[in-house]
Amino acid sequence: MADEAVYPYMNPYLIGHEAEEKLFLTAYNAQALHHGWLITGDEGIGKATLAYKIARFLLAAEPGKVYNSLDIAVDSDIYAQVAQKSHPDFRVLERDYIDTDKKKLIKAINQGETVDEEMKQGLKRSAVIKVEDVRNMVEFLGKKSFNDSWRVVLVDSADDLNPSSANALLKILEEPPHKSILLLISHNPGRLLPTIRSRCAKLALKPLQEGQVASLLRRYKPALAEREVQGLAKIAGGSIGRAIRYADNDALAMYENIKVVCFAGSRCDGRLLLDLASEAAGDEDCWELFAELMCRFVREALPGAQQPRDLYAAYEAALKVLDETTRLNMDKKLAALQVLSGIGSAC
């Protein structure tokens, strides 16, 4: 069985956030919609999937009709237009591609090449959402809608706004055009302008339950063995996005090796220790994965530790090593050995 596509703009399947869906739907049926909605929560728990679901609903909804669900037909024109980001009353505000890669994309389109998601994933984006792109949204929202329906802008994510673009977006929220909705996704809402937060209704999504992550993994990654499903769900921290990323990068094997090495302490297999350190130092992605899994291991181990203060002190020391290694481009293999030895001794 092939993996099911899980890109938020194509994904009709969402679980774990029924209360937030009901909250939005209740506001819609009462004709009491805010012009700005801030959708918050950890990465990979379904924020973008919910935002696209809301966008499709608003674009398909008949004025004055009362609804009991945000779902629309997957085979409808509006569903396809939102997935393709081609609906005339819908825009996505996100980091644009850097100039050189944007030219590659335009060239491929002009030459009739297939521009799939895999190709787009290989292109680089700018570091922030530019103020010019926000101003273009102002112009878009100022126009009359295609059929007098809602005009919807999805900001993915608001965390990528710089001070100039954040202030430009704030002006839209302060003076919203008629029948316009802004859906702001944020992983770190505390870093947003307080005035942006105060101008938005909140949909605060909670991490998924372990069983929900497992259920989604069975759906999206049907080739996984049940042991892998259960293991990944346990270490994913309530995030299906993280669980899928872990599955794609064989993170469960690395995590289990981290457990073996750390719990063995000074009695650990030297070859396994060196192999794990070498794997962590393989490239930037491997290093980031190692750092993330080390932190997750300590959080899992702390509640049952015999000497929790010692383990926490070793954890703080490990965080410093991990940070300095990344910032200063230090030897990653030596750093991994240092981190593993420190945590192992404390365990």
C-alpha atoms as a PDB file:
ATOM      1  CA  MET A   1       0.000   0.000   0.000  1.00  0.00           C
ATOM      2  CA  ALA A   2       1.280   3.461  -0.931  1.00  0.00           C
ATOM      3  CA  ASP A   3       1.572   6.277   1.576  1.00  0.00           C
ATOM      4  CA  GLU A   4      -1.373   8.672   1.589  1.00  0.00           C
ATOM      5  CA  ALA A   5      -0.658  12.317   0.717  1.00  0.00           C
ATOM      6  CA  VAL A   6      -0.736  14.458   3.844  1.00  0.00           C
ATOM      7  CA  TYR A   7      -0.062  17.948   2.518  1.00  0.00           C
ATOM      8  CA  PRO A   8      -2.504  20.173   4.457  1.00  0.00           C
ATOM      9  CA  TYR A   9      -4.007  21.762   1.332  1.00  0.00           C
ATOM     10  CA  MET A  10      -4.903  18.315  -0.033  1.00  0.00           C
ATOM     11  CA  ASN A  11      -5.775  16.516   3.187  1.00  0.00           C
ATOM     12  CA  PRO A  12      -9.494  16.152   4.036  1.00  0.00           C
ATOM     13  CA  TYR A  13      -8.844  14.082   7.153  1.00  0.00           C
ATOM     14  CA  LEU A  14      -8.504  15.737  10.549  1.00  0.00           C
ATOM     15  CA  ILE A  15      -8.943  14.249  14.023  1.00  0.00           C
ATOM     16  CA  GLY A  16      -8.365  15.481  17.548  1.00  0.00           C
ATOM     17  CA  HIS A  17      -9.607  19.037  17.102  1.00  0.00           C
ATOM     18  CA  GLU A  18     -13.362  18.605  16.998  1.00  0.00           C
ATOM     19  CA  ALA A  19     -13.914  21.226  19.735  1.00  0.00           C
ATOM     20  CA  GLU A  20     -12.070  23.894  17.733  1.00  0.00           C
ATOM     21  CA  GLU A  21     -14.009  23.011  14.581  1.00  0.00           C
ATOM     22  CA  LYS A  22     -17.257  23.342  16.534  1.00  0.00           C
ATOM     23  CA  LEU A  23     -16.172  26.695  17.977  1.00  0.00           C
ATOM     24  CA  PHE A  24     -15.579  28.153  14.517  1.00  0.00           C
ATOM     25  CA  LEU A  25     -18.762  26.648  13.109  1.00  0.00           C
ATOM     26  CA  THR A  26     -20.823  28.043  15.986  1.00  0.00           C
ATOM     27  CA  ALA A  27     -19.459  31.531  15.307  1.00  0.00           C
ATOM     28  CA  TYR A  28     -20.233  31.156  11.603  1.00  0.00           C
ATOM     29  CA  ASN A  29     -23.822  29.989  12.159  1.00  0.00           C
ATOM     30  CA  ALA A  30     -24.366  32.874  14.586  1.00  0.00           C
ATOM     31  CA  GLN A  31     -23.003  35.297  11.952  1.00  0.00           C
ATOM     32  CA  ALA A  32     -20.434  36.379  14.524  1.00  0.00           C
ATOM     33  CA  LEU A  33     -17.170  35.593  12.712  1.00  0.00           C
ATOM     34  CA  HIS A  34     -14.067  37.561  13.620  1.00  0.00           C
ATOM     35  CA  HIS A  35     -12.055  38.863  10.694  1.00  0.00           C
ATOM     36  CA  GLY A  36      -8.891  37.320  12.140  1.00  0.00           C
ATOM     37  CA  TRP A  37      -8.423  33.800  13.538  1.00  0.00           C
ATOM     38  CA  LEU A  38      -5.173  32.769  15.216  1.00  0.00           C
ATOM     39  CA  ILE A  39      -4.642  28.991  15.037  1.00  0.00           C
ATOM     40  CA  THR A  40      -1.934  27.952  17.498  1.00  0.00           C
ATOM     41  CA  GLY A  41      -0.251  24.813  18.791  1.00  0.00           C
ATOM     42  CA  ASP A  42       2.801  22.598  18.377  1.00  0.00           C
ATOM     43  CA  GLU A  43       4.144  21.895  14.911  1.00  0.00           C
ATOM     44  CA  GLY A  44       2.624  18.962  13.069  1.00  0.00           C
ATOM     45  CA  ILE A  45      -0.625  18.607  15.028  1.00  0.00           C
ATOM     46  CA  GLY A  46      -2.990  19.770  12.278  1.00  0.00           C
ATOM     47  CA  LYS A  47      -3.060  23.587  12.376  1.00  0.00           C
ATOM     48  CA  ALA A  48      -2.604  24.031   8.631  1.00  0.00           C
ATOM     49  CA  THR A  49      -4.978  21.156   7.872  1.00  0.00           C
ATOM     50  CA  LEU A  50      -7.657  22.887   9.965  1.00  0.00           C
ATOM     51  CA  ALA A  51      -6.925  26.257   8.343  1.00  0.00           C
ATOM     52  CA  TYR A  52      -7.375  24.837   4.834  1.00  0.00           C
ATOM     53  CA  LYS A  53     -10.545  23.063   5.972  1.00  0.00           C
ATOM     54  CA  ILE A  54     -11.966  26.364   7.235  1.00  0.00           C
ATOM     55  CA  ALA A  55     -10.933  28.146   4.013  1.00  0.00           C
ATOM     56  CA  ARG A  56     -12.666  25.562   1.827  1.00  0.00           C
ATOM     57  CA  PHE A  57     -15.789  25.750   3.964  1.00  0.00           C
ATOM     58  CA  LEU A  58     -16.002  29.547   3.788  1.00  0.00           C
ATOM     59  CA  LEU A  59     -15.546  29.577   0.031  1.00  0.00           C
ATOM     60  CA  ALA A  60     -18.219  26.916  -0.464  1.00  0.00           C
ATOM     61  CA  ALA A  61     -20.777  28.027   2.151  1.00  0.00           C
ATOM     62  CA  GLU A  62     -24.130  29.436   1.018  1.00  0.00           C
ATOM     63  CA  PRO A  63     -25.032  32.735   2.742  1.00  0.00           C
ATOM     64  CA  GLY A  64     -27.644  32.353   5.468  1.00  0.00           C
ATOM     65  CA  LYS A  65     -27.496  28.563   5.569  1.00  0.00           C
ATOM     66  CA  VAL A  66     -26.820  26.811   8.883  1.00  0.00           C
ATOM     67  CA  TYR A  67     -24.179  24.073   8.808  1.00  0.00           C
ATOM     68  CA  ASN A  68     -23.277  21.237  11.155  1.00  0.00           C
ATOM     69  CA  SER A  69     -19.880  20.433   9.621  1.00  0.00           C
ATOM     70  CA  LEU A  70     -16.908  22.182   7.997  1.00  0.00           C
ATOM     71  CA  ASP A  71     -16.525  19.355   5.472  1.00  0.00           C
ATOM     72  CA  ILE A  72     -17.091  19.897   1.757  1.00  0.00           C
ATOM     73  CA  ALA A  73     -17.037  17.352  -1.045  1.00  0.00           C
ATOM     74  CA  VAL A  74     -13.515  16.239  -1.916  1.00  0.00           C
ATOM     75  CA  ASP A  75     -14.457  16.028  -5.599  1.00  0.00           C
ATOM     76  CA  SER A  76     -15.841  19.581  -5.729  1.00  0.00           C
ATOM     77  CA  ASP A  77     -14.329  22.372  -7.827  1.00  0.00           C
ATOM     78  CA  ILE A  78     -13.675  24.505  -4.762  1.00  0.00           C
ATOM     79  CA  TYR A  79     -11.759  21.685  -3.064  1.00  0.00           C
ATOM     80  CA  ALA A  80      -9.525  21.346  -6.135  1.00  0.00           C
ATOM     81  CA  GLN A  81      -9.070  25.118  -6.501  1.00  0.00           C
ATOM     82  CA  VAL A  82      -7.970  25.530  -2.876  1.00  0.00           C
ATOM     83  CA  ALA A  83      -5.596  22.567  -3.196  1.00  0.00           C
ATOM     84  CA  GLN A  84      -4.092  24.166  -6.292  1.00  0.00           C
ATOM     85  CA  LYS A  85      -4.199  27.626  -4.671  1.00  0.00           C
ATOM     86  CA  SER A  86      -6.047  28.906  -7.730  1.00  0.00           C
ATOM     87  CA  HIS A  87      -9.392  29.976  -6.256  1.00  0.00           C
ATOM     88  CA  PRO A  88      -9.995  33.665  -7.113  1.00  0.00           C
ATOM     89  CA  ASP A  89     -11.083  34.496  -3.544  1.00  0.00           C
ATOM     90  CA  PHE A  90      -8.267  32.647  -1.774  1.00  0.00           C
ATOM     91  CA  ARG A  91      -4.619  33.488  -1.167  1.00  0.00           C
ATOM     92  CA  VAL A  92      -1.825  31.926   0.866  1.00  0.00           C
ATOM     93  CA  LEU A  93       0.677  34.292   2.453  1.00  0.00           C
ATOM     94  CA  GLU A  94       3.960  32.480   3.042  1.00  0.00           C
ATOM     95  CA  ARG A  95       7.691  32.870   2.541  1.00  0.00           C
ATOM     96  CA  ASP A  96       8.358  33.267  -1.173  1.00  0.00           C
ATOM     97  CA  TYR A  97      11.021  31.361  -3.074  1.00  0.00           C
ATOM     98  CA  ILE A  98      14.409  33.038  -3.355  1.00  0.00           C
ATOM     99  CA  ASP A  99      14.910  34.777  -6.709  1.00  0.00           C
ATOM    100  CA  THR A 100      17.101  32.121  -8.335  1.00  0.00           C
ATOM    101  CA  ASP A 101      14.758  29.274  -7.396  1.00  0.00           C
ATOM    102  CA  LYS A 102      11.690  31.302  -8.367  1.00  0.00           C
ATOM    103  CA  LYS A 103      13.203  31.644 -11.843  1.00  0.00           C
ATOM    104  CA  LYS A 104      13.701  27.857 -11.952  1.00  0.00           C
ATOM    105  CA  LEU A 105      10.055  27.353 -11.056  1.00  0.00           C
ATOM    106  CA  ILE A 106       8.794  29.847 -13.644  1.00  0.00           C
ATOM    107  CA  LYS A 107      11.041  28.302 -16.312  1.00  0.00           C
ATOM    108  CA  ALA A 108       9.729  24.814 -15.545  1.00  0.00           C
ATOM    109  CA  ILE A 109       6.118  26.023 -15.791  1.00  0.00           C
ATOM    110  CA  ASN A 110       6.760  27.861 -19.075  1.00  0.00           C
ATOM    111  CA  GLN A 111       8.388  24.765 -20.543  1.00  0.00           C
ATOM    112  CA  GLY A 112       5.430  22.600 -19.578  1.00  0.00           C
ATOM    113  CA  GLU A 113       7.364  20.521 -17.052  1.00  0.00           C
ATOM    114  CA  THR A 114       5.587  18.780 -14.199  1.00  0.00           C
ATOM    115  CA  VAL A 115       5.864  20.927 -11.101  1.00  0.00           C
ATOM    116  CA  ASP A 116       5.091  18.506  -8.276  1.00  0.00           C
ATOM    117  CA  GLU A 117       5.465  18.819  -4.536  1.00  0.00           C
ATOM    118  CA  GLU A 118       8.771  16.956  -4.545  1.00  0.00           C
ATOM    119  CA  MET A 119      10.262  19.574  -6.860  1.00  0.00           C
ATOM    120  CA  LYS A 120       8.942  22.427  -4.733  1.00  0.00           C
ATOM    121  CA  GLN A 121      10.385  20.860  -1.581  1.00  0.00           C
ATOM    122  CA  GLY A 122      13.834  21.120  -3.149  1.00  0.00           C
ATOM    123  CA  LEU A 123      13.547  24.879  -3.683  1.00  0.00           C
ATOM    124  CA  LYS A 124      14.755  27.408  -1.119  1.00  0.00           C
ATOM    125  CA  ARG A 125      12.522  30.058   0.413  1.00  0.00           C
ATOM    126  CA  SER A 126      13.391  33.454   1.851  1.00  0.00           C
ATOM    127  CA  ALA A 127      13.885  33.757   5.597  1.00  0.00           C
ATOM    128  CA  VAL A 128      10.775  35.888   6.208  1.00  0.00           C
ATOM    129  CA  ILE A 129       7.446  36.919   4.716  1.00  0.00           C
ATOM    130  CA  LYS A 130       8.213  40.203   2.973  1.00  0.00           C
ATOM    131  CA  VAL A 131       6.241  43.384   3.544  1.00  0.00           C
ATOM    132  CA  GLU A 132       5.590  43.667  -0.211  1.00  0.00           C
ATOM    133  CA  ASP A 133       3.725  40.350  -0.134  1.00  0.00           C
ATOM    134  CA  VAL A 134       1.544  41.558   2.751  1.00  0.00           C
ATOM    135  CA  ARG A 135       0.743  44.752   0.854  1.00  0.00           C
ATOM    136  CA  ASN A 136      -0.322  42.662  -2.112  1.00  0.00           C
ATOM    137  CA  MET A 137      -2.799  40.965   0.221  1.00  0.00           C
ATOM    138  CA  VAL A 138      -4.247  44.397   1.065  1.00  0.00           C
ATOM    139  CA  GLU A 139      -4.901  44.967  -2.625  1.00  0.00           C
ATOM    140  CA  PHE A 140      -6.416  41.500  -3.007  1.00  0.00           C
ATOM    141  CA  LEU A 141      -8.769  41.934  -0.039  1.00  0.00           C
ATOM    142  CA  GLY A 142      -9.871  45.327  -1.287  1.00  0.00           C
ATOM    143  CA  LYS A 143     -11.399  43.842  -4.451  1.00  0.00           C
ATOM    144  CA  LYS A 144     -14.947  42.555  -4.717  1.00  0.00           C
ATOM    145  CA  SER A 145     -15.171  38.806  -4.332  1.00  0.00           C
ATOM    146  CA  PHE A 146     -15.878  36.488  -7.262  1.00  0.00           C
ATOM    147  CA  ASN A 147     -19.485  35.713  -6.241  1.00  0.00           C
ATOM    148  CA  ASP A 148     -19.975  38.007  -3.236  1.00  0.00           C
ATOM    149  CA  SER A 149     -18.591  35.312  -0.914  1.00  0.00           C
ATOM    150  CA  TRP A 150     -15.788  35.509   1.599  1.00  0.00           C
ATOM    151  CA  ARG A 151     -12.257  36.439   0.617  1.00  0.00           C
ATOM    152  CA  VAL A 152      -9.814  34.306   2.566  1.00  0.00           C
ATOM    153  CA  VAL A 153      -6.109  34.775   3.291  1.00  0.00           C
ATOM    154  CA  LEU A 154      -4.210  31.958   5.013  1.00  0.00           C
ATOM    155  CA  VAL A 155      -0.932  33.042   6.650  1.00  0.00           C
ATOM    156  CA  ASP A 156       1.458  30.087   6.973  1.00  0.00           C
ATOM    157  CA  SER A 157       2.995  30.969   9.253  1.00  0.00           C
ATOM    158  CA  ALA A 158       2.625  34.249  11.114  1.00  0.00           C
ATOM    159  CA  ASP A 159       5.889  33.373  12.898  1.00  0.00           C
ATOM    160  CA  ASP A 160       7.689  34.194   9.634  1.00  0.00           C
ATOM    161  CA  LEU A 161       6.603  37.844   9.618  1.00  0.00           C
ATOM    162  CA  ASN A 162       9.346  40.406  10.196  1.00  0.00           C
ATOM    163  CA  PRO A 163       8.562  43.706  12.005  1.00  0.00           C
ATOM    164  CA  SER A 164       7.607  45.520   8.791  1.00  0.00           C
ATOM    165  CA  SER A 165       5.373  42.774   7.417  1.00  0.00           C
ATOM    166  CA  ALA A 166       3.818  42.206  10.866  1.00  0.00           C
ATOM    167  CA  ASN A 167       2.835  45.869  11.110  1.00  0.00           C
ATOM    168  CA  ALA A 168       1.425  45.791   7.589  1.00  0.00           C
ATOM    169  CA  LEU A 169      -0.684  42.760   8.516  1.00  0.00           C
ATOM    170  CA  LEU A 170      -1.828  44.491  11.696  1.00  0.00           C
ATOM    171  CA  LYS A 171      -3.286  47.323   9.623  1.00  0.00           C
ATOM    172  CA  ILE A 172      -5.471  44.812   7.780  1.00  0.00           C
ATOM    173  CA  LEU A 173      -6.687  43.383  11.099  1.00  0.00           C
ATOM    174  CA  GLU A 174      -7.416  46.868  12.429  1.00  0.00           C
ATOM    175  CA  GLU A 175      -9.416  47.895   9.353  1.00  0.00           C
ATOM    176  CA  PRO A 176     -10.603  44.620   7.778  1.00  0.00           C
ATOM    177  CA  PRO A 177     -12.340  44.844   4.386  1.00  0.00           C
ATOM    178  CA  HIS A 178     -15.926  43.607   4.152  1.00  0.00           C
ATOM    179  CA  LYS A 179     -16.360  39.793   4.196  1.00  0.00           C
ATOM    180  CA  SER A 180     -12.650  39.111   4.556  1.00  0.00           C
ATOM    181  CA  ILE A 181     -11.105  36.464   6.795  1.00  0.00           C
ATOM    182  CA  LEU A 182      -7.454  36.056   7.807  1.00  0.00           C
ATOM    183  CA  LEU A 183      -6.406  32.648   9.130  1.00  0.00           C
ATOM    184  CA  LEU A 184      -3.068  32.955  10.929  1.00  0.00           C
ATOM    185  CA  ILE A 185      -1.096  29.823  11.770  1.00  0.00           C
ATOM    186  CA  SER A 186       1.436  30.172  14.595  1.00  0.00           C
ATOM    187  CA  HIS A 187       3.702  27.685  16.343  1.00  0.00           C
ATOM    188  CA  ASN A 188       4.965  30.380  18.762  1.00  0.00           C
ATOM    189  CA  PRO A 189       2.169  32.913  19.346  1.00  0.00           C
ATOM    190  CA  GLY A 190       4.093  34.506  22.216  1.00  0.00           C
ATOM    191  CA  ARG A 191       6.525  35.923  19.658  1.00  0.00           C
ATOM    192  CA  LEU A 192       3.819  37.701  17.671  1.00  0.00           C
ATOM    193  CA  LEU A 193       2.919  41.346  18.196  1.00  0.00           C
ATOM    194  CA  PRO A 194       0.532  41.570  21.167  1.00  0.00           C
ATOM    195  CA  THR A 195      -1.727  43.746  19.016  1.00  0.00           C
ATOM    196  CA  ILE A 196      -1.981  40.999  16.390  1.00  0.00           C
ATOM    197  CA  ARG A 197      -2.920  38.458  19.053  1.00  0.00           C
ATOM    198  CA  SER A 198      -5.520  40.771  20.551  1.00  0.00           C
ATOM    199  CA  ARG A 199      -7.184  41.396  17.182  1.00  0.00           C
ATOM    200  CA  CYS A 200      -7.762  37.690  16.509  1.00  0.00           C
ATOM    201  CA  ALA A 201     -10.121  35.038  17.816  1.00  0.00           C
ATOM    202  CA  LYS A 202      -8.143  32.057  19.110  1.00  0.00           C
ATOM    203  CA  LEU A 203      -8.216  28.407  18.136  1.00  0.00           C
ATOM    204  CA  ALA A 204      -5.625  26.817  20.443  1.00  0.00           C
ATOM    205  CA  LEU A 205      -4.981  23.258  19.276  1.00  0.00           C
ATOM    206  CA  LYS A 206      -3.682  20.719  21.775  1.00  0.00           C
ATOM    207  CA  PRO A 207      -1.198  17.909  21.020  1.00  0.00           C
ATOM    208  CA  LEU A 208      -2.840  14.743  19.778  1.00  0.00           C
ATOM    209  CA  GLN A 209      -3.243  11.760  22.043  1.00  0.00           C
ATOM    210  CA  GLU A 210      -0.817   8.901  21.514  1.00  0.00           C
ATOM    211  CA  GLY A 211      -3.601   6.684  20.176  1.00  0.00           C
ATOM    212  CA  GLN A 212      -4.638   9.363  17.681  1.00  0.00           C
ATOM    213  CA  VAL A 213      -1.071   9.665  16.382  1.00  0.00           C
ATOM    214  CA  ALA A 214      -0.933   5.875  16.006  1.00  0.00           C
ATOM    215  CA  SER A 215      -4.255   5.865  14.153  1.00  0.00           C
ATOM    216  CA  LEU A 216      -3.045   8.532  11.741  1.00  0.00           C
ATOM    217  CA  LEU A 217       0.244   6.710  11.176  1.00  0.00           C
ATOM    218  CA  ARG A 218      -1.663   3.584  10.174  1.00  0.00           C
ATOM    219  CA  ARG A 219      -3.565   5.706   7.670  1.00  0.00           C
ATOM    220  CA  TYR A 220      -0.670   7.701   6.231  1.00  0.00           C
ATOM    221  CA  LYS A 221       2.102   5.091   6.560  1.00  0.00           C
ATOM    222  CA  PRO A 222       0.348   1.740   6.003  1.00  0.00           C
ATOM    223  CA  ALA A 223       3.625  -0.117   5.388  1.00  0.00           C
ATOM    224  CA  LEU A 224       4.832   0.457   8.952  1.00  0.00           C
ATOM    225  CA  ALA A 225       4.845  -2.524  11.287  1.00  0.00           C
ATOM    226  CA  GLU A 226       2.638  -2.149  14.354  1.00  0.00           C
ATOM    227  CA  ARG A 227       5.722  -2.104  16.597  1.00  0.00           C
ATOM    228  CA  GLU A 228       7.014   0.894  14.648  1.00  0.00           C
ATOM    229  CA  VAL A 229       3.621   2.607  14.795  1.00  0.00           C
ATOM    230  CA  GLN A 230       3.479   2.279  18.571  1.00  0.00           C
ATOM    231  CA  GLY A 231       7.106   3.331  19.032  1.00  0.00           C
ATOM    232  CA  LEU A 232       6.797   6.386  16.811  1.00  0.00           C
ATOM    233  CA  ALA A 233       3.530   7.452  18.403  1.00  0.00           C
ATOM    234  CA  LYS A 234       5.181   7.285  21.815  1.00  0.00           C
ATOM    235  CA  ILE A 235       8.094   9.578  20.953  1.00  0.00           C
ATOM    236  CA  ALA A 236       6.233  11.984  18.640  1.00  0.00           C
ATOM    237  CA  GLY A 237       4.980  14.212  21.450  1.00  0.00           C
ATOM    238  CA  GLY A 238       1.430  14.370  20.105  1.00  0.00           C
ATOM    239  CA  SER A 239       2.483  15.504  16.625  1.00  0.00           C
ATOM    240  CA  ILE A 240       1.555  13.444  13.569  1.00  0.00           C
ATOM    241  CA  GLY A 241       3.816  15.638  11.454  1.00  0.00           C
ATOM    242  CA  ARG A 242       6.755  14.787  13.695  1.00  0.00           C
ATOM    243  CA  ALA A 243       5.812  11.103  13.690  1.00  0.00           C
ATOM    244  CA  ILE A 244       5.792  11.028   9.875  1.00  0.00           C
ATOM    245  CA  ARG A 245       9.137  12.824   9.736  1.00  0.00           C
ATOM    246  CA  TYR A 246      10.555  10.334  12.223  1.00  0.00           C
ATOM    247  CA  ALA A 247       9.238   7.436  10.124  1.00  0.00           C
ATOM    248  CA  ASP A 248      10.852   8.861   6.981  1.00  0.00           C
ATOM    249  CA  ASN A 249      14.218   9.281   8.725  1.00  0.00           C
ATOM    250  CA  ASP A 250      14.412   6.016  10.676  1.00  0.00           C
ATOM    251  CA  ALA A 251      14.346   8.033  13.896  1.00  0.00           C
ATOM    252  CA  LEU A 252      12.941   5.175  15.949  1.00  0.00           C
ATOM    253  CA  ALA A 253      16.126   3.131  15.489  1.00  0.00           C
ATOM    254  CA  MET A 254      18.267   6.117  16.510  1.00  0.00           C
ATOM    255  CA  TYR A 255      16.083   6.753  19.547  1.00  0.00           C
ATOM    256  CA  GLU A 256      16.282   3.140  20.675  1.00  0.00           C
ATOM    257  CA  ASN A 257      20.074   3.224  20.323  1.00  0.00           C
ATOM    258  CA  ILE A 258      20.188   6.421  22.390  1.00  0.00           C
ATOM    259  CA  LYS A 259      18.205   4.648  25.110  1.00  0.00           C
ATOM    260  CA  VAL A 260      20.512   1.628  25.079  1.00  0.00           C
ATOM    261  CA  VAL A 261      23.686   3.740  25.232  1.00  0.00           C
ATOM    262  CA  CYS A 262      22.450   6.135  27.912  1.00  0.00           C
ATOM    263  CA  PHE A 263      20.917   3.552  30.210  1.00  0.00           C
ATOM    264  CA  ALA A 264      24.043   1.386  29.946  1.00  0.00           C
ATOM    265  CA  GLY A 265      26.248   4.312  31.012  1.00  0.00           C
ATOM    266  CA  SER A 266      29.891   3.292  31.413  1.00  0.00           C
ATOM    267  CA  ARG A 267      28.940  -0.320  30.575  1.00  0.00           C
ATOM    268  CA  CYS A 268      27.678   0.505  27.073  1.00  0.00           C
ATOM    269  CA  ASP A 269      28.979  -1.197  23.942  1.00  0.00           C
ATOM    270  CA  GLY A 270      31.807   1.023  22.658  1.00  0.00           C
ATOM    271  CA  ARG A 271      31.110   0.138  19.024  1.00  0.00           C
ATOM    272  CA  LEU A 272      27.440   1.097  19.375  1.00  0.00           C
ATOM    273  CA  LEU A 273      28.456   4.381  21.021  1.00  0.00           C
ATOM    274  CA  LEU A 274      30.861   5.248  18.181  1.00  0.00           C
ATOM    275  CA  ASP A 275      28.384   4.194  15.490  1.00  0.00           C
ATOM    276  CA  LEU A 276      25.680   6.355  17.036  1.00  0.00           C
ATOM    277  CA  ALA A 277      28.014   9.356  17.260  1.00  0.00           C
ATOM    278  CA  SER A 278      29.049   8.853  13.623  1.00  0.00           C
ATOM    279  CA  GLU A 279      25.404   8.660  12.551  1.00  0.00           C
ATOM    280  CA  ALA A 280      24.603  11.874  14.433  1.00  0.00           C
ATOM    281  CA  ALA A 281      27.482  13.649  12.671  1.00  0.00           C
ATOM    282  CA  GLY A 282      26.441  12.450   9.204  1.00  0.00           C
ATOM    283  CA  ASP A 283      24.961  15.762   8.015  1.00  0.00           C
ATOM    284  CA  GLU A 284      22.939  18.712   9.302  1.00  0.00           C
ATOM    285  CA  ASP A 285      19.659  16.803   9.184  1.00  0.00           C
ATOM    286  CA  CYS A 286      21.139  13.885  11.137  1.00  0.00           C
ATOM    287  CA  TRP A 287      22.552  16.267  13.703  1.00  0.00           C
ATOM    288  CA  GLU A 288      19.226  18.059  14.184  1.00  0.00           C
ATOM    289  CA  LEU A 289      17.466  14.722  14.528  1.00  0.00           C
ATOM    290  CA  PHE A 290      20.009  13.499  17.087  1.00  0.00           C
ATOM    291  CA  ALA A 291      19.671  16.690  19.128  1.00  0.00           C
ATOM    292  CA  GLU A 292      15.882  16.493  19.068  1.00  0.00           C
ATOM    293  CA  LEU A 293      15.810  12.819  20.070  1.00  0.00           C
ATOM    294  CA  MET A 294      18.342  13.349  22.872  1.00  0.00           C
ATOM    295  CA  CYS A 295      16.122  16.049  24.359  1.00  0.00           C
ATOM    296  CA  ARG A 296      13.064  13.833  24.001  1.00  0.00           C
ATOM    297  CA  PHE A 297      14.872  10.945  25.706  1.00  0.00           C
ATOM    298  CA  VAL A 298      15.756  13.093  28.717  1.00  0.00           C
ATOM    299  CA  ARG A 299      12.184  14.362  29.042  1.00  0.00           C
ATOM    300  CA  GLU A 300      10.982  10.749  29.019  1.00  0.00           C
ATOM    301  CA  ALA A 301      13.656   9.592  31.477  1.00  0.00           C
ATOM    302  CA  LEU A 302      13.418  12.414  34.035  1.00  0.00           C
ATOM    303  CA  PRO A 303      10.212  11.313  35.833  1.00  0.00           C
ATOM    304  CA  GLY A 304      11.677   7.899  36.663  1.00  0.00           C
ATOM    305  CA  ALA A 305      15.285   8.948  37.294  1.00  0.00           C
ATOM    306  CA  GLN A 306      16.877   7.927  40.603  1.00  0.00           C
ATOM    307  CA  GLN A 307      18.855  11.188  40.661  1.00  0.00           C
ATOM    308  CA  PRO A 308      16.688  13.666  38.701  1.00  0.00           C
ATOM    309  CA  ARG A 309      18.829  16.675  39.684  1.00  0.00           C
ATOM    310  CA  ASP A 310      21.937  15.025  38.254  1.00  0.00           C
ATOM    311  CA  LEU A 311      20.111  14.140  35.050  1.00  0.00           C
ATOM    312  CA  TYR A 312      18.719  17.651  34.692  1.00  0.00           C
ATOM    313  CA  ALA A 313      22.190  19.151  35.218  1.00  0.00           C
ATOM    314  CA  ALA A 314      23.577  16.821  32.551  1.00  0.00           C
ATOM    315  CA  TYR A 315      20.678  17.830  30.285  1.00  0.00           C
ATOM    316  CA  GLU A 316      21.512  21.531  30.666  1.00  0.00           C
ATOM    317  CA  ALA A 317      25.164  20.793  29.888  1.00  0.00           C
ATOM    318  CA  ALA A 318      24.094  18.777  26.836  1.00  0.00           C
ATOM    319  CA  LEU A 319      21.917  21.620  25.566  1.00  0.00           C
ATOM    320  CA  LYS A 320      24.913  23.950  25.770  1.00  0.00           C
ATOM    321  CA  VAL A 321      27.104  21.515  23.832  1.00  0.00           C
ATOM    322  CA  LEU A 322      24.429  20.968  21.179  1.00  0.00           C
ATOM    323  CA  ASP A 323      23.907  24.710  20.750  1.00  0.00           C
ATOM    324  CA  GLU A 324      27.614  25.588  20.578  1.00  0.00           C
ATOM    325  CA  THR A 325      28.311  22.762  18.139  1.00  0.00           C
ATOM    326  CA  THR A 326      25.681  24.101  15.741  1.00  0.00           C
ATOM    327  CA  ARG A 327      26.586  27.777  16.123  1.00  0.00           C
ATOM    328  CA  LEU A 328      30.352  27.364  16.010  1.00  0.00           C
ATOM    329  CA  ASN A 329      30.459  24.484  13.530  1.00  0.00           C
ATOM    330  CA  MET A 330      32.383  22.278  15.955  1.00  0.00           C
ATOM    331  CA  ASP A 331      33.176  18.583  15.513  1.00  0.00           C
ATOM    332  CA  LYS A 332      29.780  16.919  15.691  1.00  0.00           C
ATOM    333  CA  LYS A 333      31.054  13.420  16.384  1.00  0.00           C
ATOM    334  CA  LEU A 334      33.044  14.546  19.415  1.00  0.00           C
ATOM    335  CA  ALA A 335      30.098  16.615  20.591  1.00  0.00           C
ATOM    336  CA  ALA A 336      27.738  13.625  20.263  1.00  0.00           C
ATOM    337  CA  LEU A 337      30.151  11.480  22.301  1.00  0.00           C
ATOM    338  CA  GLN A 338      30.307  14.187  24.978  1.00  0.00           C
ATOM    339  CA  VAL A 339      26.517  14.485  25.160  1.00  0.00           C
ATOM    340  CA  LEU A 340      25.951  10.734  25.260  1.00  0.00           C
ATOM    341  CA  SER A 341      28.610  10.239  27.929  1.00  0.00           C
ATOM    342  CA  GLY A 342      27.228  13.034  30.097  1.00  0.00           C
ATOM    343  CA  ILE A 343      23.617  11.861  29.919  1.00  0.00           C
ATOM    344  CA  GLY A 344      24.708   8.229  30.296  1.00  0.00           C
ATOM    345  CA  SER A 345      26.632   8.963  33.480  1.00  0.00           C
ATOM    346  CA  ALA A 346      23.639  10.787  34.972  1.00  0.00           C
ATOM    347  CA  CYS A 347      21.298   7.940  34.058  1.00  0.00           C
END
